[in-house]
C-alpha atoms as a PDB file:
ATOM      1  CA  MET A   1       0.000   0.000   0.000  1.00  0.00           C
ATOM      2  CA  PRO A   2       1.458   3.428  -0.919  1.00  0.00           C
ATOM      3  CA  VAL A   3       1.352   6.186   1.714  1.00  0.00           C
ATOM      4  CA  VAL A   4       2.189   9.869   2.034  1.00  0.00           C
ATOM      5  CA  SER A   5       4.268  10.851   5.056  1.00  0.00           C
ATOM      6  CA  ASN A   6       4.305  14.094   6.949  1.00  0.00           C
ATOM      7  CA  ILE A   7       7.310  15.256   8.932  1.00  0.00           C
ATOM      8  CA  SER A   8       6.527  13.687  12.326  1.00  0.00           C
ATOM      9  CA  PRO A   9       7.023  10.001  11.411  1.00  0.00           C
ATOM     10  CA  LEU A  10      10.203  10.847   9.529  1.00  0.00           C
ATOM     11  CA  ILE A  11      11.743  12.692  12.455  1.00  0.00           C
ATOM     12  CA  TRP A  12      10.664  10.360  15.248  1.00  0.00           C
ATOM     13  CA  LEU A  13      11.401   7.096  13.447  1.00  0.00           C
ATOM     14  CA  SER A  14      14.799   8.494  12.515  1.00  0.00           C
ATOM     15  CA  LYS A  15      15.488   9.547  16.113  1.00  0.00           C
ATOM     16  CA  VAL A  16      14.862   6.008  17.399  1.00  0.00           C
ATOM     17  CA  GLY A  17      16.718   4.332  14.524  1.00  0.00           C
ATOM     18  CA  LYS A  18      13.598   2.742  13.031  1.00  0.00           C
ATOM     19  CA  ILE A  19      13.101   4.682   9.798  1.00  0.00           C
ATOM     20  CA  SER A  20      13.347   1.367   7.942  1.00  0.00           C
ATOM     21  CA  LEU A  21       9.900   0.483   9.331  1.00  0.00           C
ATOM     22  CA  LEU A  22       8.371   2.657   6.621  1.00  0.00           C
ATOM     23  CA  LYS A  23       9.975   0.486   3.943  1.00  0.00           C
ATOM     24  CA  ASP A  24       8.984  -2.677   5.791  1.00  0.00           C
ATOM     25  CA  LEU A  25       5.333  -1.688   6.149  1.00  0.00           C
ATOM     26  CA  PHE A  26       4.587   0.108   2.879  1.00  0.00           C
ATOM     27  CA  ILE A  27       5.298  -0.570  -0.776  1.00  0.00           C
ATOM     28  CA  GLU A  28       5.827   3.108  -1.532  1.00  0.00           C
ATOM     29  CA  VAL A  29       6.357   6.098   0.756  1.00  0.00           C
ATOM     30  CA  THR A  30       5.857   9.512  -0.791  1.00  0.00           C
ATOM     31  CA  VAL A  31       7.373  12.526   0.949  1.00  0.00           C
ATOM     32  CA  PRO A  32       6.027  15.850  -0.340  1.00  0.00           C
ATOM     33  CA  GLN A  33       8.668  18.343  -1.442  1.00  0.00           C
ATOM     34  CA  MET A  34       7.977  20.803   1.390  1.00  0.00           C
ATOM     35  CA  VAL A  35       8.206  18.009   3.990  1.00  0.00           C
ATOM     36  CA  TYR A  36      11.532  16.886   2.507  1.00  0.00           C
ATOM     37  CA  LYS A  37      12.827  20.448   2.580  1.00  0.00           C
ATOM     38  CA  GLU A  38      11.855  20.924   6.232  1.00  0.00           C
ATOM     39  CA  ALA A  39      12.918  17.482   7.483  1.00  0.00           C
ATOM     40  CA  VAL A  40      16.051  16.914   5.452  1.00  0.00           C
ATOM     41  CA  GLU A  41      17.439  20.075   3.867  1.00  0.00           C
ATOM     42  CA  ASN A  42      16.778  22.376   6.825  1.00  0.00           C
ATOM     43  CA  GLY A  43      17.657  19.636   9.308  1.00  0.00           C
ATOM     44  CA  VAL A  44      21.009  18.859   7.678  1.00  0.00           C
ATOM     45  CA  ALA A  45      21.795  22.579   7.484  1.00  0.00           C
ATOM     46  CA  GLY A  46      21.036  22.781  11.204  1.00  0.00           C
ATOM     47  CA  GLY A  47      23.249  19.766  11.952  1.00  0.00           C
ATOM     48  CA  PHE A  48      20.455  17.560  13.314  1.00  0.00           C
ATOM     49  CA  SER A  49      21.533  13.911  13.435  1.00  0.00           C
ATOM     50  CA  ASP A  50      18.037  12.600  12.638  1.00  0.00           C
ATOM     51  CA  ALA A  51      18.016  14.620   9.399  1.00  0.00           C
ATOM     52  CA  ILE A  52      21.443  13.291   8.474  1.00  0.00           C
ATOM     53  CA  ALA A  53      20.155   9.745   9.038  1.00  0.00           C
ATOM     54  CA  LEU A  54      17.259  10.447   6.638  1.00  0.00           C
ATOM     55  CA  VAL A  55      19.696  11.402   3.885  1.00  0.00           C
ATOM     56  CA  ARG A  56      21.336   7.977   4.171  1.00  0.00           C
ATOM     57  CA  ARG A  57      18.010   6.286   3.403  1.00  0.00           C
END
């Protein structure tokens, strides 16, 4: 089943090292461009480790 993710699951699953659960549970995970920008681009620029972990996925 494909899903669309907002920022909360991305941040919290990344913080606890379980971001792979999204891949395990869903065939396709869509992250809207603005969510990606806030969670990843802004997070990496701010040096947040959970954002850096998202980039590796």
